[in-house]
Amino acid sequence: MFSRYRRLALAAPLAVLAAGVLPAVAQPAARPAPQAAAPRPAAAAELVTEANVSRDLMKAIYDAAKVPASVDGGGNLVLALPEVKVFVLPGKDSVRLLATYDFAPRASWQERLDLANRINDGYLMARASLPEVRPGTLAVDYYVMLGAGISRATMVALTKRFGEVVVEAIGTEDTDRLIQ
């Protein structure tokens, strides 16, 4: 709590200014700040939304961005990013980015689980799991929530960043070389 003296010390200069004891200092006229152009909202056609998300739209986006994209035998969109293959799986309200790796046969269940936990502990943009349907596989994924929409450029940038994070996570956390 302020003491009574501190309040007086602050009040004295204010009282002097209010009484007009100090000469008035001419202030330069304030110029209005130049207005920057408002950011252009992305046109609806440029957005990936819950209403228009599809494998074909996603393929067209990656093709336009010159990211190698193909459809595999199971009908999944697959991107060939540097050092990693990423599956792009459109859903109802999101797009799932998925990378899978096979474990070496010598890797025990505990070692596999420890690797997944280290990745989950150290990386926000990558969720590692051991899927029951594919024993011996490490799945690393990230969901891009679409909400009101996400621009095509942002989608491409997020996908490339996901690929970089996955490669870094595996390279950093797989100290025992469990991944083939």
C-alpha atoms as a PDB file:
ATOM      1  CA  MET A   1       0.000   0.000   0.000  1.00  0.00           C
ATOM      2  CA  PHE A   2       1.283   3.461  -0.829  1.00  0.00           C
ATOM      3  CA  SER A   3       2.084   5.668   2.096  1.00  0.00           C
ATOM      4  CA  ARG A   4       0.473   9.076   2.531  1.00  0.00           C
ATOM      5  CA  TYR A   5       3.746  10.781   1.546  1.00  0.00           C
ATOM      6  CA  ARG A   6       3.979   9.006  -1.783  1.00  0.00           C
ATOM      7  CA  ARG A   7       0.487  10.101  -2.684  1.00  0.00           C
ATOM      8  CA  LEU A   8       1.398  13.680  -1.866  1.00  0.00           C
ATOM      9  CA  ALA A   9       4.612  13.449  -3.847  1.00  0.00           C
ATOM     10  CA  LEU A  10       2.659  12.430  -6.927  1.00  0.00           C
ATOM     11  CA  ALA A  11      -0.100  14.936  -6.355  1.00  0.00           C
ATOM     12  CA  ALA A  12       2.192  17.992  -6.074  1.00  0.00           C
ATOM     13  CA  PRO A  13       3.465  18.050  -9.688  1.00  0.00           C
ATOM     14  CA  LEU A  14      -0.049  17.459 -10.936  1.00  0.00           C
ATOM     15  CA  ALA A  15      -1.304  20.408  -8.903  1.00  0.00           C
ATOM     16  CA  VAL A  16       1.454  22.646 -10.315  1.00  0.00           C
ATOM     17  CA  LEU A  17       0.537  21.655 -13.860  1.00  0.00           C
ATOM     18  CA  ALA A  18      -3.140  22.195 -13.205  1.00  0.00           C
ATOM     19  CA  ALA A  19      -2.478  25.664 -11.751  1.00  0.00           C
ATOM     20  CA  GLY A  20      -0.653  26.721 -14.898  1.00  0.00           C
ATOM     21  CA  VAL A  21       2.583  27.575 -13.105  1.00  0.00           C
ATOM     22  CA  LEU A  22       4.733  25.922 -15.738  1.00  0.00           C
ATOM     23  CA  PRO A  23       4.805  27.529 -19.184  1.00  0.00           C
ATOM     24  CA  ALA A  24       2.779  25.775 -21.781  1.00  0.00           C
ATOM     25  CA  VAL A  25       4.842  23.753 -24.209  1.00  0.00           C
ATOM     26  CA  ALA A  26       3.698  23.895 -27.775  1.00  0.00           C
ATOM     27  CA  GLN A  27       2.820  20.441 -28.984  1.00  0.00           C
ATOM     28  CA  PRO A  28       3.234  19.653 -32.660  1.00  0.00           C
ATOM     29  CA  ALA A  29       0.017  18.863 -34.422  1.00  0.00           C
ATOM     30  CA  ALA A  30      -0.508  15.142 -34.456  1.00  0.00           C
ATOM     31  CA  ARG A  31      -0.624  13.681 -37.906  1.00  0.00           C
ATOM     32  CA  PRO A  32      -2.962  10.810 -38.475  1.00  0.00           C
ATOM     33  CA  ALA A  33      -1.058   7.589 -38.920  1.00  0.00           C
ATOM     34  CA  PRO A  34      -1.108   6.336 -42.485  1.00  0.00           C
ATOM     35  CA  GLN A  35      -3.592   3.563 -42.759  1.00  0.00           C
ATOM     36  CA  ALA A  36      -2.171   0.295 -43.902  1.00  0.00           C
ATOM     37  CA  ALA A  37      -4.169  -1.631 -46.393  1.00  0.00           C
ATOM     38  CA  ALA A  38      -6.447  -4.064 -44.627  1.00  0.00           C
ATOM     39  CA  PRO A  39      -5.436  -7.651 -45.185  1.00  0.00           C
ATOM     40  CA  ARG A  40      -7.382  -9.133 -48.018  1.00  0.00           C
ATOM     41  CA  PRO A  41      -9.648 -11.888 -46.767  1.00  0.00           C
ATOM     42  CA  ALA A  42      -9.165 -15.135 -48.614  1.00  0.00           C
ATOM     43  CA  ALA A  43     -11.821 -15.706 -51.204  1.00  0.00           C
ATOM     44  CA  ALA A  44     -14.126 -18.594 -50.452  1.00  0.00           C
ATOM     45  CA  ALA A  45     -12.693 -20.530 -53.405  1.00  0.00           C
ATOM     46  CA  GLU A  46      -9.211 -20.262 -51.870  1.00  0.00           C
ATOM     47  CA  LEU A  47     -10.273 -21.904 -48.608  1.00  0.00           C
ATOM     48  CA  VAL A  48     -10.449 -25.525 -47.588  1.00  0.00           C
ATOM     49  CA  THR A  49     -13.623 -25.804 -45.511  1.00  0.00           C
ATOM     50  CA  GLU A  50     -15.723 -28.508 -43.926  1.00  0.00           C
ATOM     51  CA  ALA A  51     -18.120 -28.114 -46.851  1.00  0.00           C
ATOM     52  CA  ASN A  52     -15.612 -28.638 -49.665  1.00  0.00           C
ATOM     53  CA  VAL A  53     -12.815 -30.803 -48.242  1.00  0.00           C
ATOM     54  CA  SER A  54     -12.139 -33.879 -50.358  1.00  0.00           C
ATOM     55  CA  ARG A  55      -9.263 -35.990 -51.570  1.00  0.00           C
ATOM     56  CA  ASP A  56      -9.562 -34.490 -55.054  1.00  0.00           C
ATOM     57  CA  LEU A  57      -9.448 -30.908 -53.750  1.00  0.00           C
ATOM     58  CA  MET A  58      -6.427 -31.721 -51.590  1.00  0.00           C
ATOM     59  CA  LYS A  59      -4.643 -33.340 -54.549  1.00  0.00           C
ATOM     60  CA  ALA A  60      -5.329 -30.263 -56.686  1.00  0.00           C
ATOM     61  CA  ILE A  61      -3.919 -28.019 -53.943  1.00  0.00           C
ATOM     62  CA  TYR A  62      -0.678 -30.018 -53.645  1.00  0.00           C
ATOM     63  CA  ASP A  63      -0.347 -30.330 -57.429  1.00  0.00           C
ATOM     64  CA  ALA A  64      -0.658 -26.534 -57.759  1.00  0.00           C
ATOM     65  CA  ALA A  65       2.026 -26.125 -55.084  1.00  0.00           C
ATOM     66  CA  LYS A  66       4.282 -28.578 -56.947  1.00  0.00           C
ATOM     67  CA  VAL A  67       4.294 -31.066 -54.069  1.00  0.00           C
ATOM     68  CA  PRO A  68       4.554 -34.623 -55.458  1.00  0.00           C
ATOM     69  CA  ALA A  69       1.125 -36.157 -54.780  1.00  0.00           C
ATOM     70  CA  SER A  70      -0.412 -39.441 -55.867  1.00  0.00           C
ATOM     71  CA  VAL A  71      -3.316 -41.699 -54.972  1.00  0.00           C
ATOM     72  CA  ASP A  72      -2.308 -45.146 -53.721  1.00  0.00           C
ATOM     73  CA  GLY A  73      -4.091 -48.446 -54.333  1.00  0.00           C
ATOM     74  CA  GLY A  74      -6.297 -47.911 -51.267  1.00  0.00           C
ATOM     75  CA  GLY A  75      -7.509 -44.536 -52.541  1.00  0.00           C
ATOM     76  CA  ASN A  76      -5.395 -42.502 -50.107  1.00  0.00           C
ATOM     77  CA  LEU A  77      -3.622 -39.307 -51.088  1.00  0.00           C
ATOM     78  CA  VAL A  78       0.128 -39.753 -50.549  1.00  0.00           C
ATOM     79  CA  LEU A  79       2.725 -36.964 -50.635  1.00  0.00           C
ATOM     80  CA  ALA A  80       6.417 -37.612 -51.237  1.00  0.00           C
ATOM     81  CA  LEU A  81       8.029 -35.019 -48.963  1.00  0.00           C
ATOM     82  CA  PRO A  82      11.769 -34.925 -48.338  1.00  0.00           C
ATOM     83  CA  GLU A  83      12.678 -37.991 -46.264  1.00  0.00           C
ATOM     84  CA  VAL A  84       9.070 -38.903 -45.409  1.00  0.00           C
ATOM     85  CA  LYS A  85       5.890 -40.135 -47.052  1.00  0.00           C
ATOM     86  CA  VAL A  86       2.791 -38.314 -45.718  1.00  0.00           C
ATOM     87  CA  PHE A  87      -0.773 -39.539 -46.108  1.00  0.00           C
ATOM     88  CA  VAL A  88      -3.372 -36.767 -46.385  1.00  0.00           C
ATOM     89  CA  LEU A  89      -6.706 -38.062 -45.109  1.00  0.00           C
ATOM     90  CA  PRO A  90      -9.614 -35.603 -45.373  1.00  0.00           C
ATOM     91  CA  GLY A  91     -12.373 -36.074 -42.807  1.00  0.00           C
ATOM     92  CA  LYS A  92     -15.646 -34.401 -41.964  1.00  0.00           C
ATOM     93  CA  ASP A  93     -14.181 -31.403 -40.110  1.00  0.00           C
ATOM     94  CA  SER A  94     -10.429 -31.902 -40.394  1.00  0.00           C
ATOM     95  CA  VAL A  95      -7.570 -33.170 -42.489  1.00  0.00           C
ATOM     96  CA  ARG A  96      -5.369 -35.821 -40.919  1.00  0.00           C
ATOM     97  CA  LEU A  97      -1.690 -35.819 -41.841  1.00  0.00           C
ATOM     98  CA  LEU A  98      -0.126 -39.223 -41.184  1.00  0.00           C
ATOM     99  CA  ALA A  99       3.334 -40.705 -41.475  1.00  0.00           C
ATOM    100  CA  THR A 100       4.056 -44.345 -40.658  1.00  0.00           C
ATOM    101  CA  TYR A 101       7.289 -46.141 -39.920  1.00  0.00           C
ATOM    102  CA  ASP A 102       8.082 -49.823 -39.491  1.00  0.00           C
ATOM    103  CA  PHE A 103       9.957 -50.957 -36.418  1.00  0.00           C
ATOM    104  CA  ALA A 104      12.929 -53.268 -36.663  1.00  0.00           C
ATOM    105  CA  PRO A 105      11.910 -56.831 -35.668  1.00  0.00           C
ATOM    106  CA  ARG A 106      14.302 -56.694 -32.683  1.00  0.00           C
ATOM    107  CA  ALA A 107      12.358 -53.768 -31.109  1.00  0.00           C
ATOM    108  CA  SER A 108      10.473 -54.895 -28.004  1.00  0.00           C
ATOM    109  CA  TRP A 109       6.996 -53.656 -27.160  1.00  0.00           C
ATOM    110  CA  GLN A 110       8.431 -51.542 -24.311  1.00  0.00           C
ATOM    111  CA  GLU A 111      11.056 -49.962 -26.592  1.00  0.00           C
ATOM    112  CA  ARG A 112       8.376 -49.121 -29.146  1.00  0.00           C
ATOM    113  CA  LEU A 113       6.166 -47.596 -26.486  1.00  0.00           C
ATOM    114  CA  ASP A 114       9.071 -45.604 -25.035  1.00  0.00           C
ATOM    115  CA  LEU A 115       9.862 -44.129 -28.468  1.00  0.00           C
ATOM    116  CA  ALA A 116       6.241 -43.092 -29.003  1.00  0.00           C
ATOM    117  CA  ASN A 117       6.152 -41.512 -25.537  1.00  0.00           C
ATOM    118  CA  ARG A 118       9.397 -39.586 -26.129  1.00  0.00           C
ATOM    119  CA  ILE A 119       7.997 -38.177 -29.373  1.00  0.00           C
ATOM    120  CA  ASN A 120       4.728 -37.216 -27.663  1.00  0.00           C
ATOM    121  CA  ASP A 121       6.622 -35.603 -24.812  1.00  0.00           C
ATOM    122  CA  GLY A 122       8.911 -33.546 -27.032  1.00  0.00           C
ATOM    123  CA  TYR A 123       6.771 -32.501 -30.001  1.00  0.00           C
ATOM    124  CA  LEU A 124       3.455 -30.675 -30.109  1.00  0.00           C
ATOM    125  CA  MET A 125       2.801 -31.061 -33.825  1.00  0.00           C
ATOM    126  CA  ALA A 126       3.252 -34.795 -33.837  1.00  0.00           C
ATOM    127  CA  ARG A 127       1.246 -37.435 -32.024  1.00  0.00           C
ATOM    128  CA  ALA A 128       2.875 -40.835 -32.017  1.00  0.00           C
ATOM    129  CA  SER A 129       0.963 -44.067 -31.469  1.00  0.00           C
ATOM    130  CA  LEU A 130       1.247 -47.808 -31.941  1.00  0.00           C
ATOM    131  CA  PRO A 131      -1.845 -48.810 -33.936  1.00  0.00           C
ATOM    132  CA  GLU A 132      -3.374 -52.181 -33.066  1.00  0.00           C
ATOM    133  CA  VAL A 133      -4.364 -52.811 -36.669  1.00  0.00           C
ATOM    134  CA  ARG A 134      -0.729 -52.660 -37.797  1.00  0.00           C
ATOM    135  CA  PRO A 135       1.513 -54.172 -35.128  1.00  0.00           C
ATOM    136  CA  GLY A 136       5.136 -53.279 -35.654  1.00  0.00           C
ATOM    137  CA  THR A 137       4.274 -49.818 -36.961  1.00  0.00           C
ATOM    138  CA  LEU A 138       4.749 -46.360 -35.491  1.00  0.00           C
ATOM    139  CA  ALA A 139       2.082 -43.896 -36.627  1.00  0.00           C
ATOM    140  CA  VAL A 140       2.752 -40.173 -36.304  1.00  0.00           C
ATOM    141  CA  ASP A 141      -0.129 -37.860 -37.111  1.00  0.00           C
ATOM    142  CA  TYR A 142      -1.541 -34.343 -36.823  1.00  0.00           C
ATOM    143  CA  TYR A 143      -5.099 -33.117 -37.352  1.00  0.00           C
ATOM    144  CA  VAL A 144      -5.634 -29.799 -39.145  1.00  0.00           C
ATOM    145  CA  MET A 145      -9.003 -28.545 -37.921  1.00  0.00           C
ATOM    146  CA  LEU A 146     -10.854 -26.701 -40.677  1.00  0.00           C
ATOM    147  CA  GLY A 147     -13.435 -24.677 -38.745  1.00  0.00           C
ATOM    148  CA  ALA A 148     -14.522 -21.758 -40.927  1.00  0.00           C
ATOM    149  CA  GLY A 149     -11.789 -22.563 -43.402  1.00  0.00           C
ATOM    150  CA  ILE A 150      -8.056 -22.604 -43.928  1.00  0.00           C
ATOM    151  CA  SER A 151      -6.249 -21.145 -46.911  1.00  0.00           C
ATOM    152  CA  ARG A 152      -4.686 -23.422 -49.470  1.00  0.00           C
ATOM    153  CA  ALA A 153      -1.250 -21.878 -48.883  1.00  0.00           C
ATOM    154  CA  THR A 154      -1.543 -22.473 -45.141  1.00  0.00           C
ATOM    155  CA  MET A 155      -2.552 -26.079 -45.735  1.00  0.00           C
ATOM    156  CA  VAL A 156       0.534 -26.666 -47.884  1.00  0.00           C
ATOM    157  CA  ALA A 157       2.788 -24.919 -45.345  1.00  0.00           C
ATOM    158  CA  LEU A 158       1.340 -26.957 -42.453  1.00  0.00           C
ATOM    159  CA  THR A 159       1.855 -30.179 -44.369  1.00  0.00           C
ATOM    160  CA  LYS A 160       5.481 -29.366 -45.174  1.00  0.00           C
ATOM    161  CA  ARG A 161       6.108 -28.356 -41.564  1.00  0.00           C
ATOM    162  CA  PHE A 162       4.532 -31.594 -40.342  1.00  0.00           C
ATOM    163  CA  GLY A 163       6.929 -33.542 -42.564  1.00  0.00           C
ATOM    164  CA  GLU A 164       9.898 -31.622 -41.144  1.00  0.00           C
ATOM    165  CA  VAL A 165       8.753 -32.198 -37.551  1.00  0.00           C
ATOM    166  CA  VAL A 166       8.271 -35.931 -38.107  1.00  0.00           C
ATOM    167  CA  VAL A 167      11.729 -36.333 -39.648  1.00  0.00           C
ATOM    168  CA  GLU A 168      13.268 -34.343 -36.784  1.00  0.00           C
ATOM    169  CA  ALA A 169      11.342 -36.294 -34.135  1.00  0.00           C
ATOM    170  CA  ILE A 170      12.408 -39.661 -35.503  1.00  0.00           C
ATOM    171  CA  GLY A 171      16.002 -38.540 -35.975  1.00  0.00           C
ATOM    172  CA  THR A 172      16.231 -37.079 -32.480  1.00  0.00           C
ATOM    173  CA  GLU A 173      14.223 -39.541 -30.414  1.00  0.00           C
ATOM    174  CA  ASP A 174      15.084 -42.861 -32.101  1.00  0.00           C
ATOM    175  CA  THR A 175      18.454 -43.098 -30.366  1.00  0.00           C
ATOM    176  CA  ASP A 176      18.320 -46.914 -30.298  1.00  0.00           C
ATOM    177  CA  ARG A 177      17.636 -47.076 -34.068  1.00  0.00           C
ATOM    178  CA  LEU A 178      14.377 -48.993 -33.683  1.00  0.00           C
ATOM    179  CA  ILE A 179      12.931 -47.675 -36.948  1.00  0.00           C
ATOM    180  CA  GLN A 180      13.906 -49.504 -40.141  1.00  0.00           C
END
